């Protein structure tokens, strides 16, 4: 059984997911399109257990968040 994810990192991942999901409401191609893509992106990294890899994923998600806000 893989080790559990650091609770603080888990909270950060959930928060950035919620923030991105909220930004998707105004996405040009529609909220449903955005939600499916967002879910797929986060699901593909669901097996990550290394704290540093999770931090890199959070940083990448925050970068995407800033890019979307700039639209």
PDB file of N, CA and C in Angstrom:
ATOM      1  N   UNK A   1       0.847  -1.184   0.000  1.00  0.00           N
ATOM      2  CA  UNK A   1       0.000   0.000   0.000  1.00  0.00           C
ATOM      3  C   UNK A   1       0.894   1.249   0.000  1.00  0.00           C
ATOM      4  N   UNK A   2       0.622   2.208  -0.909  1.00  0.00           N
ATOM      5  CA  UNK A   2       1.454   3.405  -0.971  1.00  0.00           C
ATOM      6  C   UNK A   2       1.259   4.270   0.282  1.00  0.00           C
ATOM      7  N   UNK A   3       2.267   5.052   0.628  1.00  0.00           N
ATOM      8  CA  UNK A   3       2.132   5.912   1.807  1.00  0.00           C
ATOM      9  C   UNK A   3       1.071   6.983   1.576  1.00  0.00           C
ATOM     10  N   UNK A   4       0.433   7.445   2.625  1.00  0.00           N
ATOM     11  CA  UNK A   4      -0.598   8.482   2.458  1.00  0.00           C
ATOM     12  C   UNK A   4       0.032   9.815   2.041  1.00  0.00           C
ATOM     13  N   UNK A   5      -0.750  10.619   1.388  1.00  0.00           N
ATOM     14  CA  UNK A   5      -0.287  11.928   0.938  1.00  0.00           C
ATOM     15  C   UNK A   5      -0.239  12.871   2.142  1.00  0.00           C
ATOM     16  N   UNK A   6       0.760  13.727   2.146  1.00  0.00           N
ATOM     17  CA  UNK A   6       0.892  14.751   3.173  1.00  0.00           C
ATOM     18  C   UNK A   6      -0.414  15.547   3.239  1.00  0.00           C
ATOM     19  N   UNK A   7      -1.063  15.649   4.407  1.00  0.00           N
ATOM     20  CA  UNK A   7      -2.364  16.331   4.509  1.00  0.00           C
ATOM     21  C   UNK A   7      -2.322  17.793   4.056  1.00  0.00           C
ATOM     22  N   UNK A   8      -1.214  18.477   4.318  1.00  0.00           N
ATOM     23  CA  UNK A   8      -1.094  19.871   3.893  1.00  0.00           C
ATOM     24  C   UNK A   8      -1.063  19.970   2.369  1.00  0.00           C
ATOM     25  N   UNK A   9      -0.319  19.082   1.725  1.00  0.00           N
ATOM     26  CA  UNK A   9      -0.269  19.084   0.257  1.00  0.00           C
ATOM     27  C   UNK A   9      -1.625  18.711  -0.325  1.00  0.00           C
ATOM     28  N   UNK A  10      -2.295  17.765   0.299  1.00  0.00           N
ATOM     29  CA  UNK A  10      -3.632  17.366  -0.165  1.00  0.00           C
ATOM     30  C   UNK A  10      -4.580  18.558  -0.130  1.00  0.00           C
ATOM     31  N   UNK A  11      -4.525  19.341   0.951  1.00  0.00           N
ATOM     32  CA  UNK A  11      -5.380  20.521   1.073  1.00  0.00           C
ATOM     33  C   UNK A  11      -5.044  21.539  -0.020  1.00  0.00           C
ATOM     34  N   UNK A  12      -3.751  21.720  -0.308  1.00  0.00           N
ATOM     35  CA  UNK A  12      -3.346  22.654  -1.363  1.00  0.00           C
ATOM     36  C   UNK A  12      -3.847  22.208  -2.730  1.00  0.00           C
ATOM     37  N   UNK A  13      -3.765  20.910  -2.997  1.00  0.00           N
ATOM     38  CA  UNK A  13      -4.241  20.377  -4.279  1.00  0.00           C
ATOM     39  C   UNK A  13      -5.749  20.614  -4.419  1.00  0.00           C
ATOM     40  N   UNK A  14      -6.488  20.334  -3.362  1.00  0.00           N
ATOM     41  CA  UNK A  14      -7.938  20.527  -3.409  1.00  0.00           C
ATOM     42  C   UNK A  14      -8.274  21.999  -3.616  1.00  0.00           C
ATOM     43  N   UNK A  15      -7.562  22.888  -2.938  1.00  0.00           N
ATOM     44  CA  UNK A  15      -7.835  24.321  -3.081  1.00  0.00           C
ATOM     45  C   UNK A  15      -7.543  24.823  -4.490  1.00  0.00           C
ATOM     46  N   UNK A  16      -6.412  24.411  -5.069  1.00  0.00           N
ATOM     47  CA  UNK A  16      -6.100  24.875  -6.419  1.00  0.00           C
ATOM     48  C   UNK A  16      -7.092  24.277  -7.426  1.00  0.00           C
ATOM     49  N   UNK A  17      -7.539  23.047  -7.186  1.00  0.00           N
ATOM     50  CA  UNK A  17      -8.553  22.435  -8.057  1.00  0.00           C
ATOM     51  C   UNK A  17      -9.850  23.246  -8.002  1.00  0.00           C
ATOM     52  N   UNK A  18     -10.279  23.602  -6.794  1.00  0.00           N
ATOM     53  CA  UNK A  18     -11.510  24.392  -6.644  1.00  0.00           C
ATOM     54  C   UNK A  18     -11.372  25.760  -7.294  1.00  0.00           C
ATOM     55  N   UNK A  19     -10.206  26.390  -7.114  1.00  0.00           N
ATOM     56  CA  UNK A  19      -9.987  27.708  -7.730  1.00  0.00           C
ATOM     57  C   UNK A  19     -10.057  27.616  -9.255  1.00  0.00           C
ATOM     58  N   UNK A  20      -9.415  26.594  -9.811  1.00  0.00           N
ATOM     59  CA  UNK A  20      -9.453  26.415 -11.265  1.00  0.00           C
ATOM     60  C   UNK A  20     -10.867  26.098 -11.744  1.00  0.00           C
ATOM     61  N   UNK A  21     -11.559  25.270 -11.001  1.00  0.00           N
ATOM     62  CA  UNK A  21     -12.936  24.925 -11.359  1.00  0.00           C
ATOM     63  C   UNK A  21     -13.808  26.177 -11.391  1.00  0.00           C
ATOM     64  N   UNK A  22     -13.590  27.059 -10.445  1.00  0.00           N
ATOM     65  CA  UNK A  22     -14.343  28.308 -10.402  1.00  0.00           C
ATOM     66  C   UNK A  22     -14.002  29.197 -11.595  1.00  0.00           C
ATOM     67  N   UNK A  23     -12.741  29.227 -12.003  1.00  0.00           N
ATOM     68  CA  UNK A  23     -12.340  30.018 -13.172  1.00  0.00           C
ATOM     69  C   UNK A  23     -12.975  29.475 -14.457  1.00  0.00           C
ATOM     70  N   UNK A  24     -13.264  28.188 -14.475  1.00  0.00           N
ATOM     71  CA  UNK A  24     -13.837  27.561 -15.656  1.00  0.00           C
ATOM     72  C   UNK A  24     -15.225  28.061 -16.010  1.00  0.00           C
ATOM     73  N   UNK A  25     -15.870  28.734 -15.084  1.00  0.00           N
ATOM     74  CA  UNK A  25     -17.221  29.256 -15.346  1.00  0.00           C
ATOM     75  C   UNK A  25     -17.224  30.257 -16.491  1.00  0.00           C
ATOM     76  N   UNK A  26     -16.113  30.953 -16.656  1.00  0.00           N
ATOM     77  CA  UNK A  26     -16.023  31.979 -17.696  1.00  0.00           C
ATOM     78  C   UNK A  26     -15.147  31.547 -18.869  1.00  0.00           C
ATOM     79  N   UNK A  27     -14.810  30.261 -18.940  1.00  0.00           N
ATOM     80  CA  UNK A  27     -13.921  29.778 -19.988  1.00  0.00           C
ATOM     81  C   UNK A  27     -14.611  29.873 -21.350  1.00  0.00           C
ATOM     82  N   UNK A  28     -13.898  30.371 -22.381  1.00  0.00           N
ATOM     83  CA  UNK A  28     -14.518  30.593 -23.698  1.00  0.00           C
ATOM     84  C   UNK A  28     -15.166  29.347 -24.314  1.00  0.00           C
ATOM     85  N   UNK A  29     -14.584  28.163 -24.104  1.00  0.00           N
ATOM     86  CA  UNK A  29     -15.145  26.957 -24.720  1.00  0.00           C
ATOM     87  C   UNK A  29     -16.214  26.298 -23.861  1.00  0.00           C
ATOM     88  N   UNK A  30     -16.560  26.901 -22.763  1.00  0.00           N
ATOM     89  CA  UNK A  30     -17.632  26.393 -21.926  1.00  0.00           C
ATOM     90  C   UNK A  30     -17.134  25.697 -20.671  1.00  0.00           C
ATOM     91  N   UNK A  31     -17.969  25.759 -19.653  1.00  0.00           N
ATOM     92  CA  UNK A  31     -17.614  25.190 -18.357  1.00  0.00           C
ATOM     93  C   UNK A  31     -17.505  23.663 -18.408  1.00  0.00           C
ATOM     94  N   UNK A  32     -18.386  22.997 -19.138  1.00  0.00           N
ATOM     95  CA  UNK A  32     -18.332  21.532 -19.210  1.00  0.00           C
ATOM     96  C   UNK A  32     -17.037  21.058 -19.850  1.00  0.00           C
ATOM     97  N   UNK A  33     -16.615  21.703 -20.924  1.00  0.00           N
ATOM     98  CA  UNK A  33     -15.345  21.368 -21.582  1.00  0.00           C
ATOM     99  C   UNK A  33     -14.195  21.557 -20.606  1.00  0.00           C
ATOM    100  N   UNK A  34     -14.176  22.688 -19.922  1.00  0.00           N
ATOM    101  CA  UNK A  34     -13.104  23.006 -18.981  1.00  0.00           C
ATOM    102  C   UNK A  34     -13.081  21.999 -17.828  1.00  0.00           C
ATOM    103  N   UNK A  35     -14.241  21.679 -17.278  1.00  0.00           N
ATOM    104  CA  UNK A  35     -14.317  20.757 -16.149  1.00  0.00           C
ATOM    105  C   UNK A  35     -13.798  19.374 -16.520  1.00  0.00           C
ATOM    106  N   UNK A  36     -14.148  18.879 -17.711  1.00  0.00           N
ATOM    107  CA  UNK A  36     -13.662  17.566 -18.158  1.00  0.00           C
ATOM    108  C   UNK A  36     -12.138  17.565 -18.304  1.00  0.00           C
ATOM    109  N   UNK A  37     -11.595  18.611 -18.896  1.00  0.00           N
ATOM    110  CA  UNK A  37     -10.142  18.706 -19.078  1.00  0.00           C
ATOM    111  C   UNK A  37      -9.425  18.825 -17.739  1.00  0.00           C
ATOM    112  N   UNK A  38      -9.989  19.619 -16.835  1.00  0.00           N
ATOM    113  CA  UNK A  38      -9.394  19.799 -15.511  1.00  0.00           C
ATOM    114  C   UNK A  38      -9.399  18.483 -14.748  1.00  0.00           C
ATOM    115  N   UNK A  39     -10.512  17.784 -14.780  1.00  0.00           N
ATOM    116  CA  UNK A  39     -10.611  16.496 -14.090  1.00  0.00           C
ATOM    117  C   UNK A  39      -9.595  15.499 -14.650  1.00  0.00           C
ATOM    118  N   UNK A  40      -9.472  15.469 -15.963  1.00  0.00           N
ATOM    119  CA  UNK A  40      -8.515  14.543 -16.589  1.00  0.00           C
ATOM    120  C   UNK A  40      -7.074  14.878 -16.183  1.00  0.00           C
ATOM    121  N   UNK A  41      -6.757  16.163 -16.139  1.00  0.00           N
ATOM    122  CA  UNK A  41      -5.399  16.583 -15.777  1.00  0.00           C
ATOM    123  C   UNK A  41      -5.076  16.199 -14.334  1.00  0.00           C
ATOM    124  N   UNK A  42      -6.013  16.424 -13.435  1.00  0.00           N
ATOM    125  CA  UNK A  42      -5.763  16.089 -12.032  1.00  0.00           C
ATOM    126  C   UNK A  42      -5.798  14.580 -11.815  1.00  0.00           C
ATOM    127  N   UNK A  43      -6.667  13.882 -12.513  1.00  0.00           N
ATOM    128  CA  UNK A  43      -6.750  12.423 -12.367  1.00  0.00           C
ATOM    129  C   UNK A  43      -5.467  11.737 -12.835  1.00  0.00           C
ATOM    130  N   UNK A  44      -4.838  12.293 -13.855  1.00  0.00           N
ATOM    131  CA  UNK A  44      -3.618  11.679 -14.365  1.00  0.00           C
ATOM    132  C   UNK A  44      -2.472  11.753 -13.350  1.00  0.00           C
ATOM    133  N   UNK A  45      -2.584  12.639 -12.385  1.00  0.00           N
ATOM    134  CA  UNK A  45      -1.558  12.777 -11.353  1.00  0.00           C
ATOM    135  C   UNK A  45      -2.013  12.259  -9.997  1.00  0.00           C
ATOM    136  N   UNK A  46      -3.126  11.573  -9.949  1.00  0.00           N
ATOM    137  CA  UNK A  46      -3.687  11.109  -8.676  1.00  0.00           C
ATOM    138  C   UNK A  46      -2.798  10.098  -7.965  1.00  0.00           C
ATOM    139  N   UNK A  47      -1.958   9.397  -8.692  1.00  0.00           N
ATOM    140  CA  UNK A  47      -1.114   8.361  -8.083  1.00  0.00           C
ATOM    141  C   UNK A  47       0.181   8.917  -7.498  1.00  0.00           C
ATOM    142  N   UNK A  48       0.428  10.197  -7.663  1.00  0.00           N
ATOM    143  CA  UNK A  48       1.661  10.790  -7.125  1.00  0.00           C
ATOM    144  C   UNK A  48       1.689  10.665  -5.609  1.00  0.00           C
ATOM    145  N   UNK A  49       2.823  10.244  -5.068  1.00  0.00           N
ATOM    146  CA  UNK A  49       2.977  10.134  -3.622  1.00  0.00           C
ATOM    147  C   UNK A  49       4.209  10.883  -3.129  1.00  0.00           C
ATOM    148  N   UNK A  50       5.121  11.224  -4.042  1.00  0.00           N
ATOM    149  CA  UNK A  50       6.330  11.950  -3.687  1.00  0.00           C
ATOM    150  C   UNK A  50       5.984  13.421  -3.429  1.00  0.00           C
ATOM    151  N   UNK A  51       6.334  13.930  -2.252  1.00  0.00           N
ATOM    152  CA  UNK A  51       5.986  15.304  -1.888  1.00  0.00           C
ATOM    153  C   UNK A  51       6.506  16.319  -2.897  1.00  0.00           C
ATOM    154  N   UNK A  52       7.726  16.132  -3.368  1.00  0.00           N
ATOM    155  CA  UNK A  52       8.301  17.092  -4.311  1.00  0.00           C
ATOM    156  C   UNK A  52       7.552  17.068  -5.651  1.00  0.00           C
ATOM    157  N   UNK A  53       7.170  15.894  -6.111  1.00  0.00           N
ATOM    158  CA  UNK A  53       6.404  15.788  -7.359  1.00  0.00           C
ATOM    159  C   UNK A  53       5.034  16.454  -7.200  1.00  0.00           C
ATOM    160  N   UNK A  54       4.433  16.308  -6.041  1.00  0.00           N
ATOM    161  CA  UNK A  54       3.135  16.942  -5.787  1.00  0.00           C
ATOM    162  C   UNK A  54       3.298  18.458  -5.768  1.00  0.00           C
ATOM    163  N   UNK A  55       4.375  18.939  -5.145  1.00  0.00           N
ATOM    164  CA  UNK A  55       4.624  20.391  -5.118  1.00  0.00           C
ATOM    165  C   UNK A  55       4.821  20.942  -6.530  1.00  0.00           C
ATOM    166  N   UNK A  56       5.534  20.188  -7.383  1.00  0.00           N
ATOM    167  CA  UNK A  56       5.712  20.615  -8.784  1.00  0.00           C
ATOM    168  C   UNK A  56       4.363  20.671  -9.506  1.00  0.00           C
ATOM    169  N   UNK A  57       3.502  19.701  -9.232  1.00  0.00           N
ATOM    170  CA  UNK A  57       2.170  19.698  -9.839  1.00  0.00           C
ATOM    171  C   UNK A  57       1.337  20.880  -9.382  1.00  0.00           C
ATOM    172  N   UNK A  58       1.427  21.215  -8.096  1.00  0.00           N
ATOM    173  CA  UNK A  58       0.703  22.371  -7.562  1.00  0.00           C
ATOM    174  C   UNK A  58       1.216  23.649  -8.223  1.00  0.00           C
ATOM    175  N   UNK A  59       2.534  23.770  -8.357  1.00  0.00           N
ATOM    176  CA  UNK A  59       3.121  24.954  -8.996  1.00  0.00           C
ATOM    177  C   UNK A  59       2.656  25.073 -10.447  1.00  0.00           C
ATOM    178  N   UNK A  60       2.607  23.951 -11.153  1.00  0.00           N
ATOM    179  CA  UNK A  60       2.140  23.954 -12.547  1.00  0.00           C
ATOM    180  C   UNK A  60       0.671  24.378 -12.610  1.00  0.00           C
ATOM    181  N   UNK A  61      -0.143  23.878 -11.691  1.00  0.00           N
ATOM    182  CA  UNK A  61      -1.569  24.237 -11.659  1.00  0.00           C
ATOM    183  C   UNK A  61      -1.744  25.727 -11.351  1.00  0.00           C
ATOM    184  N   UNK A  62      -0.918  26.269 -10.452  1.00  0.00           N
ATOM    185  CA  UNK A  62      -1.001  27.692 -10.130  1.00  0.00           C
ATOM    186  C   UNK A  62      -0.569  28.547 -11.315  1.00  0.00           C
ATOM    187  N   UNK A  63       0.407  28.063 -12.097  1.00  0.00           N
ATOM    188  CA  UNK A  63       0.822  28.772 -13.303  1.00  0.00           C
ATOM    189  C   UNK A  63      -0.334  28.811 -14.305  1.00  0.00           C
ATOM    190  N   UNK A  64      -0.986  27.679 -14.492  1.00  0.00           N
ATOM    191  CA  UNK A  64      -2.135  27.613 -15.406  1.00  0.00           C
ATOM    192  C   UNK A  64      -3.235  28.547 -14.917  1.00  0.00           C
ATOM    193  N   UNK A  65      -3.440  28.575 -13.612  1.00  0.00           N
ATOM    194  CA  UNK A  65      -4.456  29.448 -13.032  1.00  0.00           C
ATOM    195  C   UNK A  65      -4.168  30.916 -13.387  1.00  0.00           C
ATOM    196  N   UNK A  66      -2.915  31.336 -13.255  1.00  0.00           N
ATOM    197  CA  UNK A  66      -2.545  32.719 -13.593  1.00  0.00           C
ATOM    198  C   UNK A  66      -2.732  32.992 -15.075  1.00  0.00           C
ATOM    199  N   UNK A  67      -2.426  32.003 -15.916  1.00  0.00           N
ATOM    200  CA  UNK A  67      -2.613  32.177 -17.363  1.00  0.00           C
ATOM    201  C   UNK A  67      -4.097  32.329 -17.710  1.00  0.00           C
ATOM    202  N   UNK A  68      -4.943  31.568 -17.070  1.00  0.00           N
ATOM    203  CA  UNK A  68      -6.379  31.658 -17.334  1.00  0.00           C
ATOM    204  C   UNK A  68      -6.916  33.000 -16.855  1.00  0.00           C
ATOM    205  N   UNK A  69      -6.449  33.449 -15.689  1.00  0.00           N
ATOM    206  CA  UNK A  69      -6.889  34.734 -15.182  1.00  0.00           C
ATOM    207  C   UNK A  69      -6.491  35.868 -16.117  1.00  0.00           C
ATOM    208  N   UNK A  70      -5.392  35.700 -16.843  1.00  0.00           N
ATOM    209  CA  UNK A  70      -4.922  36.724 -17.761  1.00  0.00           C
ATOM    210  C   UNK A  70      -5.760  36.789 -19.034  1.00  0.00           C
ATOM    211  N   UNK A  71      -6.560  35.763 -19.311  1.00  0.00           N
ATOM    212  CA  UNK A  71      -7.376  35.763 -20.544  1.00  0.00           C
ATOM    213  C   UNK A  71      -8.397  36.857 -20.554  1.00  0.00           C
TER     214      UNK A  71
END
